[in-house]
């Protein structure tokens, strides 16, 4: 088959790019009217259900789309009047219960004050054993029991 190699076409396998599986995280927002804003004001509005893409460098606590790995961590890092369940993709960096990604979308917003108060109560109950192991007062336990 002399000379036939120039007539042969090599079939290239096309790679299908599968989007990275989204990770569920949490994030606080400020609510003004019916619009949700980030605390820093870097993005004017967060659409529910649509992916927001950060172009450019993404660094933890500096730039990119930030979220917390669970509700407790969200309460530790930044509070607002509205907490949202979010999904992230293309996570660039992660540490100390928070992460920065290049893609984020708001899945569900919990803007009822009862949710936030409930989360604060849960955080207090979870922290109570640490407090009681060091302090001799039962005042925090009585305060928690009074509101539950």
Protein backbone atom coordinates (compact mmCIF):
# COMPACT_ATOMS: atom_id res chain seq x y z
CA UNK A 1 0.00 0.00 0.00
CA UNK A 2 2.63 2.36 -1.08
CA UNK A 3 1.59 6.01 -0.91
CA UNK A 4 -1.75 5.20 0.65
CA UNK A 5 -0.87 6.81 3.96
CA UNK A 6 -1.32 10.27 2.50
CA UNK A 7 -4.84 9.38 1.41
CA UNK A 8 -5.81 7.91 4.80
CA UNK A 9 -7.59 10.19 7.19
CA UNK A 10 -7.02 9.57 10.84
CA UNK A 11 -10.27 9.80 12.72
CA UNK A 12 -9.85 11.96 15.78
CA UNK A 13 -11.92 11.11 18.77
CA UNK A 14 -13.88 14.08 19.89
CA UNK A 15 -13.94 14.61 23.59
CA UNK A 16 -17.29 15.46 24.99
CA UNK A 17 -16.88 18.01 27.71
CA UNK A 18 -19.08 17.05 30.60
CA UNK A 19 -19.85 19.94 32.95
CA UNK A 20 -18.46 19.50 36.43
CA UNK A 21 -21.07 18.26 38.86
CA UNK A 22 -22.43 21.14 40.88
CA UNK A 23 -21.75 21.23 44.61
CA UNK A 24 -24.36 22.45 47.08
CA UNK A 25 -23.18 25.27 49.34
CA UNK A 26 -24.61 28.23 51.29
CA UNK A 27 -24.33 31.99 51.08
CA UNK A 28 -25.84 35.05 52.77
CA UNK A 29 -27.33 37.96 50.84
CA UNK A 30 -28.80 41.34 51.59
CA UNK A 31 -32.41 41.81 50.53
CA UNK A 32 -33.52 45.23 49.32
CA UNK A 33 -37.10 45.14 48.17
CA UNK A 34 -37.41 41.99 46.09
CA UNK A 35 -33.78 42.05 44.90
CA UNK A 36 -30.87 40.17 46.45
CA UNK A 37 -27.39 41.68 46.62
CA UNK A 38 -24.02 40.45 47.79
CA UNK A 39 -22.76 42.26 50.88
CA UNK A 40 -19.76 43.59 49.00
CA UNK A 41 -21.99 44.92 46.24
CA UNK A 42 -19.69 43.46 43.58
CA UNK A 43 -22.64 42.03 41.68
CA UNK A 44 -25.71 44.21 41.52
CA UNK A 45 -28.25 41.40 41.53
CA UNK A 46 -28.33 37.61 41.91
CA UNK A 47 -30.78 35.91 39.58
CA UNK A 48 -32.39 32.77 40.97
CA UNK A 49 -31.73 29.62 38.94
CA UNK A 50 -29.23 31.15 36.49
CA UNK A 51 -25.50 30.51 36.52
CA UNK A 52 -23.37 33.55 37.27
CA UNK A 53 -19.88 33.22 35.78
CA UNK A 54 -16.82 35.01 37.14
CA UNK A 55 -14.26 35.81 34.48
CA UNK A 56 -10.74 36.43 35.57
CA UNK A 57 -8.70 35.45 38.56
CA UNK A 58 -10.48 33.82 41.52
CA UNK A 59 -8.87 33.91 44.95
CA UNK A 60 -10.31 33.08 48.32
CA UNK A 61 -11.44 36.24 50.18
CA UNK A 62 -10.30 38.43 47.27
CA UNK A 63 -12.12 37.74 44.00
CA UNK A 64 -14.48 35.23 42.46
CA UNK A 65 -17.77 33.75 43.63
CA UNK A 66 -17.66 32.77 47.30
CA UNK A 67 -19.79 30.33 49.28
CA UNK A 68 -19.63 28.28 52.47
CA UNK A 69 -19.57 24.51 52.60
CA UNK A 70 -22.42 24.31 55.14
CA UNK A 71 -24.89 26.54 56.94
CA UNK A 72 -22.83 26.68 60.12
CA UNK A 73 -19.78 27.89 58.17
CA UNK A 74 -21.93 30.49 56.41
CA UNK A 75 -22.94 31.84 59.82
CA UNK A 76 -19.27 31.97 60.83
CA UNK A 77 -18.00 33.86 57.79
CA UNK A 78 -20.65 36.37 56.83
CA UNK A 79 -24.14 37.12 57.98
CA UNK A 80 -26.97 38.85 56.19
CA UNK A 81 -30.72 38.92 56.36
CA UNK A 82 -31.19 36.21 53.73
CA UNK A 83 -29.50 32.85 53.36
CA UNK A 84 -29.52 30.91 50.11
CA UNK A 85 -28.76 27.40 49.05
CA UNK A 86 -26.41 27.78 46.09
CA UNK A 87 -24.61 25.48 43.69
CA UNK A 88 -21.02 26.04 42.59
CA UNK A 89 -18.86 24.66 39.80
CA UNK A 90 -15.22 25.12 38.88
CA UNK A 91 -14.02 25.47 42.47
CA UNK A 92 -10.63 27.16 42.44
CA UNK A 93 -9.68 27.21 46.10
CA UNK A 94 -11.14 25.91 49.36
CA UNK A 95 -10.29 26.34 53.02
CA UNK A 96 -11.69 26.97 56.49
CA UNK A 97 -15.26 26.06 55.51
CA UNK A 98 -15.44 28.40 52.54
CA UNK A 99 -14.58 28.24 48.88
CA UNK A 100 -14.24 30.35 45.77
CA UNK A 101 -15.55 29.22 42.41
CA UNK A 102 -15.93 30.56 38.90
CA UNK A 103 -19.60 29.56 38.57
CA UNK A 104 -22.43 29.95 41.07
CA UNK A 105 -26.20 29.85 40.92
CA UNK A 106 -28.80 30.54 43.57
CA UNK A 107 -31.08 27.53 44.01
CA UNK A 108 -33.34 28.50 46.92
CA UNK A 109 -33.56 31.64 49.00
CA UNK A 110 -34.72 31.49 52.59
CA UNK A 111 -35.73 35.07 53.26
CA UNK A 112 -38.21 34.44 56.03
CA UNK A 113 -36.83 35.71 59.35
CA UNK A 114 -37.99 32.51 61.05
CA UNK A 115 -35.38 30.51 59.11
CA UNK A 116 -32.58 32.81 60.20
CA UNK A 117 -33.72 32.78 63.83
CA UNK A 118 -33.97 28.98 63.66
CA UNK A 119 -30.43 28.73 62.27
CA UNK A 120 -29.15 31.03 65.02
CA UNK A 121 -30.89 28.84 67.60
CA UNK A 122 -29.37 25.72 66.09
CA UNK A 123 -25.91 27.29 66.19
CA UNK A 124 -26.44 28.22 69.86
CA UNK A 125 -27.53 24.67 70.74
CA UNK A 126 -24.52 23.21 68.92
CA UNK A 127 -22.13 25.60 70.67
CA UNK A 128 -23.66 25.11 74.13
CA UNK A 129 -21.60 22.02 75.13
CA UNK A 130 -18.37 23.91 74.38
CA UNK A 131 -19.52 26.83 76.52
CA UNK A 132 -20.74 24.66 79.38
CA UNK A 133 -17.46 22.73 79.50
CA UNK A 134 -15.64 25.98 80.33
CA UNK A 135 -18.20 28.11 82.20
CA UNK A 136 -20.07 27.50 85.42
CA UNK A 137 -23.20 29.44 84.47
CA UNK A 138 -26.33 27.79 83.14
CA UNK A 139 -27.74 31.13 81.94
CA UNK A 140 -27.16 30.38 78.22
CA UNK A 141 -28.97 27.04 78.49
CA UNK A 142 -31.92 28.73 80.24
CA UNK A 143 -32.01 31.44 77.57
CA UNK A 144 -32.05 28.86 74.77
CA UNK A 145 -34.73 26.79 76.48
CA UNK A 146 -36.87 29.93 76.91
CA UNK A 147 -37.05 30.54 73.15
CA UNK A 148 -37.31 26.94 71.94
